[in-house]
């Protein structure tokens, strides 16, 4: 079973990201589960969402405590919480950042990738300028970093799940897929 934990802030599309990833995997014949975990439900508050993917039925009905992959939509969360908590040894971290993946000091323990999802979201006018919606961009980079889902399945899932600006969201997925930076080492 593959388990993914998403970290972000309210309004960034964290929950939708987990659901779209599950939809893409389902389109490829996998069994899936996606669900959120909310604290204070307000824009800007930290939000967690989870996705499980497997070839067999998924019977677990609990939060993911030992993820294989962690996706961070807002890098400021690194300052306020341990986003690597429970991440399996050799696990993957994807950060929304213009900085190189080596700059976070995590690449000695984990496979780390970065993509400037904010820039991509701005470019395609996804959300307001002061609060870009980066979920589709981050998923494009995640697909490339992990190979868990194919690009075409992901684009189809995005097109169906995101009714506003679907062409721009698909373009953001594709650009982020090509813009991924992975730490050497």
Protein backbone atom coordinates (compact mmCIF):
# COMPACT_ATOMS: atom_id res chain seq x y z
CA UNK A 1 0.00 0.00 0.00
CA UNK A 2 1.18 3.51 -0.83
CA UNK A 3 0.32 6.22 1.69
CA UNK A 4 0.60 9.94 0.99
CA UNK A 5 0.20 12.79 3.47
CA UNK A 6 -0.50 16.32 2.21
CA UNK A 7 0.34 19.41 4.29
CA UNK A 8 -1.00 22.81 3.37
CA UNK A 9 -3.13 25.71 4.46
CA UNK A 10 -6.84 26.25 4.09
CA UNK A 11 -7.61 27.63 0.64
CA UNK A 12 -4.67 26.02 -1.18
CA UNK A 13 -6.66 23.01 -2.35
CA UNK A 14 -5.07 20.39 -0.10
CA UNK A 15 -8.19 18.25 0.17
CA UNK A 16 -8.90 18.45 -3.54
CA UNK A 17 -5.28 17.44 -4.25
CA UNK A 18 -5.66 14.25 -2.21
CA UNK A 19 -8.95 13.45 -3.95
CA UNK A 20 -7.59 14.14 -7.45
CA UNK A 21 -4.57 11.92 -6.79
CA UNK A 22 -6.92 9.15 -5.68
CA UNK A 23 -9.09 9.66 -8.77
CA UNK A 24 -6.05 9.43 -11.07
CA UNK A 25 -4.91 6.19 -9.43
CA UNK A 26 -8.47 4.81 -9.64
CA UNK A 27 -8.50 5.56 -13.38
CA UNK A 28 -5.43 3.35 -13.63
CA UNK A 29 -7.18 0.44 -11.91
CA UNK A 30 -6.01 0.96 -8.34
CA UNK A 31 -8.00 0.86 -5.12
CA UNK A 32 -7.98 4.22 -3.39
CA UNK A 33 -8.98 6.21 -0.34
CA UNK A 34 -8.75 9.96 0.23
CA UNK A 35 -9.78 11.96 3.28
CA UNK A 36 -9.00 15.22 5.11
CA UNK A 37 -8.13 16.09 8.69
CA UNK A 38 -9.15 19.55 9.81
CA UNK A 39 -8.32 21.52 12.90
CA UNK A 40 -9.66 25.03 12.84
CA UNK A 41 -11.56 25.31 9.56
CA UNK A 42 -10.51 28.68 8.21
CA UNK A 43 -8.52 30.05 5.33
CA UNK A 44 -4.81 29.91 6.09
CA UNK A 45 -5.03 27.38 8.92
CA UNK A 46 -2.92 24.21 8.59
CA UNK A 47 -4.76 21.37 6.86
CA UNK A 48 -3.83 17.72 6.40
CA UNK A 49 -5.20 15.37 3.78
CA UNK A 50 -4.37 11.76 3.04
CA UNK A 51 -4.44 9.36 0.10
CA UNK A 52 -4.00 5.60 0.12
CA UNK A 53 -3.40 3.62 -3.07
CA UNK A 54 -3.23 -0.14 -3.41
CA UNK A 55 -3.91 -3.02 -5.77
CA UNK A 56 -6.14 -4.67 -3.17
CA UNK A 57 -9.14 -3.38 -1.22
CA UNK A 58 -8.17 -0.89 1.49
CA UNK A 59 -9.69 -1.77 4.83
CA UNK A 60 -7.86 0.76 7.03
CA UNK A 61 -10.00 3.63 8.28
CA UNK A 62 -7.53 5.74 10.19
CA UNK A 63 -5.19 8.67 9.70
CA UNK A 64 -1.87 7.95 8.00
CA UNK A 65 0.92 7.96 10.58
CA UNK A 66 3.74 6.37 8.53
CA UNK A 67 3.48 7.83 5.02
CA UNK A 68 5.64 6.83 2.08
CA UNK A 69 5.39 10.32 0.63
CA UNK A 70 4.80 13.81 2.03
CA UNK A 71 3.59 16.71 -0.12
CA UNK A 72 3.97 20.23 1.28
CA UNK A 73 1.95 22.93 -0.43
CA UNK A 74 3.16 25.71 1.89
CA UNK A 75 6.86 25.58 2.86
CA UNK A 76 6.26 27.91 5.85
CA UNK A 77 4.77 24.85 7.55
CA UNK A 78 8.33 23.54 7.95
CA UNK A 79 8.79 26.28 10.57
CA UNK A 80 5.73 25.37 12.66
CA UNK A 81 5.47 21.58 12.51
CA UNK A 82 7.52 18.48 11.83
CA UNK A 83 6.20 17.57 8.40
CA UNK A 84 8.59 14.61 8.28
CA UNK A 85 7.08 12.98 11.39
CA UNK A 86 6.55 9.30 10.69
CA UNK A 87 7.84 9.50 7.11
CA UNK A 88 9.29 6.13 6.22
CA UNK A 89 13.04 5.87 5.80
CA UNK A 90 13.94 6.77 2.25
CA UNK A 91 10.51 8.35 1.78
CA UNK A 92 9.78 11.17 -0.61
CA UNK A 93 9.15 14.83 0.18
CA UNK A 94 7.80 17.27 -2.39
CA UNK A 95 7.88 20.97 -1.52
CA UNK A 96 6.24 23.93 -3.20
CA UNK A 97 9.31 26.13 -3.39
CA UNK A 98 11.48 28.03 -5.84
CA UNK A 99 14.50 27.02 -3.73
CA UNK A 100 16.59 24.00 -4.71
CA UNK A 101 15.67 20.81 -2.85
CA UNK A 102 19.11 20.64 -1.19
CA UNK A 103 18.46 23.93 0.63
CA UNK A 104 16.03 22.28 3.08
CA UNK A 105 18.62 19.92 4.58
CA UNK A 106 16.37 16.88 4.24
CA UNK A 107 17.98 15.14 1.28
CA UNK A 108 20.36 13.13 3.46
CA UNK A 109 17.40 11.14 4.88
CA UNK A 110 14.73 11.46 2.19
CA UNK A 111 14.30 11.87 -1.53
CA UNK A 112 13.41 15.57 -1.90
CA UNK A 113 11.91 17.42 -4.82
CA UNK A 114 10.80 21.01 -5.29
CA UNK A 115 8.61 22.80 -7.78
CA UNK A 116 7.67 26.47 -7.84
CA UNK A 117 3.94 25.76 -7.77
CA UNK A 118 3.20 29.35 -6.72
CA UNK A 119 4.81 30.70 -9.89
CA UNK A 120 2.96 28.20 -12.05
CA UNK A 121 -0.37 29.00 -10.36
CA UNK A 122 0.26 32.75 -10.87
CA UNK A 123 1.09 32.16 -14.51
CA UNK A 124 -2.21 30.37 -15.16
CA UNK A 125 -4.21 32.70 -12.88
CA UNK A 126 -5.24 29.91 -10.50
CA UNK A 127 -6.58 31.68 -7.45
CA UNK A 128 -5.93 35.23 -6.32
CA UNK A 129 -2.39 36.60 -6.54
CA UNK A 130 -2.01 36.74 -2.75
CA UNK A 131 -3.31 33.17 -2.26
CA UNK A 132 -2.58 30.99 -5.30
CA UNK A 133 -4.26 27.62 -5.55
CA UNK A 134 -1.30 25.33 -6.07
CA UNK A 135 -2.89 21.90 -5.81
CA UNK A 136 -2.89 20.98 -9.50
CA UNK A 137 0.67 22.22 -9.98
CA UNK A 138 1.97 20.22 -7.06
CA UNK A 139 0.26 17.07 -8.35
CA UNK A 140 2.03 17.34 -11.70
CA UNK A 141 5.40 17.39 -9.95
CA UNK A 142 4.30 14.57 -7.63
CA UNK A 143 3.40 12.36 -10.60
CA UNK A 144 6.87 12.81 -12.04
CA UNK A 145 8.72 12.50 -8.72
CA UNK A 146 7.05 9.25 -7.68
CA UNK A 147 5.69 7.65 -10.85
CA UNK A 148 2.66 6.54 -8.82
CA UNK A 149 0.21 7.86 -11.39
CA UNK A 150 0.61 8.61 -15.06
CA UNK A 151 0.43 12.13 -16.41
CA UNK A 152 -2.57 11.46 -18.66
CA UNK A 153 -4.64 9.88 -15.86
CA UNK A 154 -3.78 12.84 -13.66
CA UNK A 155 -4.77 15.36 -16.33
CA UNK A 156 -8.09 13.57 -16.87
CA UNK A 157 -8.78 13.56 -13.11
CA UNK A 158 -7.94 17.27 -12.87
CA UNK A 159 -10.14 18.14 -15.83
CA UNK A 160 -13.10 16.39 -14.18
CA UNK A 161 -12.53 17.55 -10.60
CA UNK A 162 -11.71 21.19 -11.25
CA UNK A 163 -14.63 22.88 -13.03
CA UNK A 164 -13.12 26.37 -13.04
CA UNK A 165 -10.34 26.95 -15.59
CA UNK A 166 -9.85 23.27 -16.45
CA UNK A 167 -7.52 23.97 -19.40
CA UNK A 168 -5.32 26.21 -17.26
CA UNK A 169 -5.23 23.63 -14.46
CA UNK A 170 -4.19 20.88 -16.88
CA UNK A 171 -1.52 23.19 -18.31
CA UNK A 172 -0.28 23.80 -14.75
CA UNK A 173 -0.06 20.04 -14.15
CA UNK A 174 1.98 19.57 -17.31
CA UNK A 175 4.32 22.50 -16.59
CA UNK A 176 4.96 21.36 -13.02
CA UNK A 177 5.65 17.84 -14.29
CA UNK A 178 8.42 19.29 -16.45
CA UNK A 179 9.64 21.80 -13.82
CA UNK A 180 10.43 19.37 -10.98
CA UNK A 181 13.86 19.66 -9.31
CA UNK A 182 15.18 16.65 -7.39
CA UNK A 183 18.02 16.69 -4.85
CA UNK A 184 21.16 14.95 -5.99
CA UNK A 185 22.51 12.52 -3.52
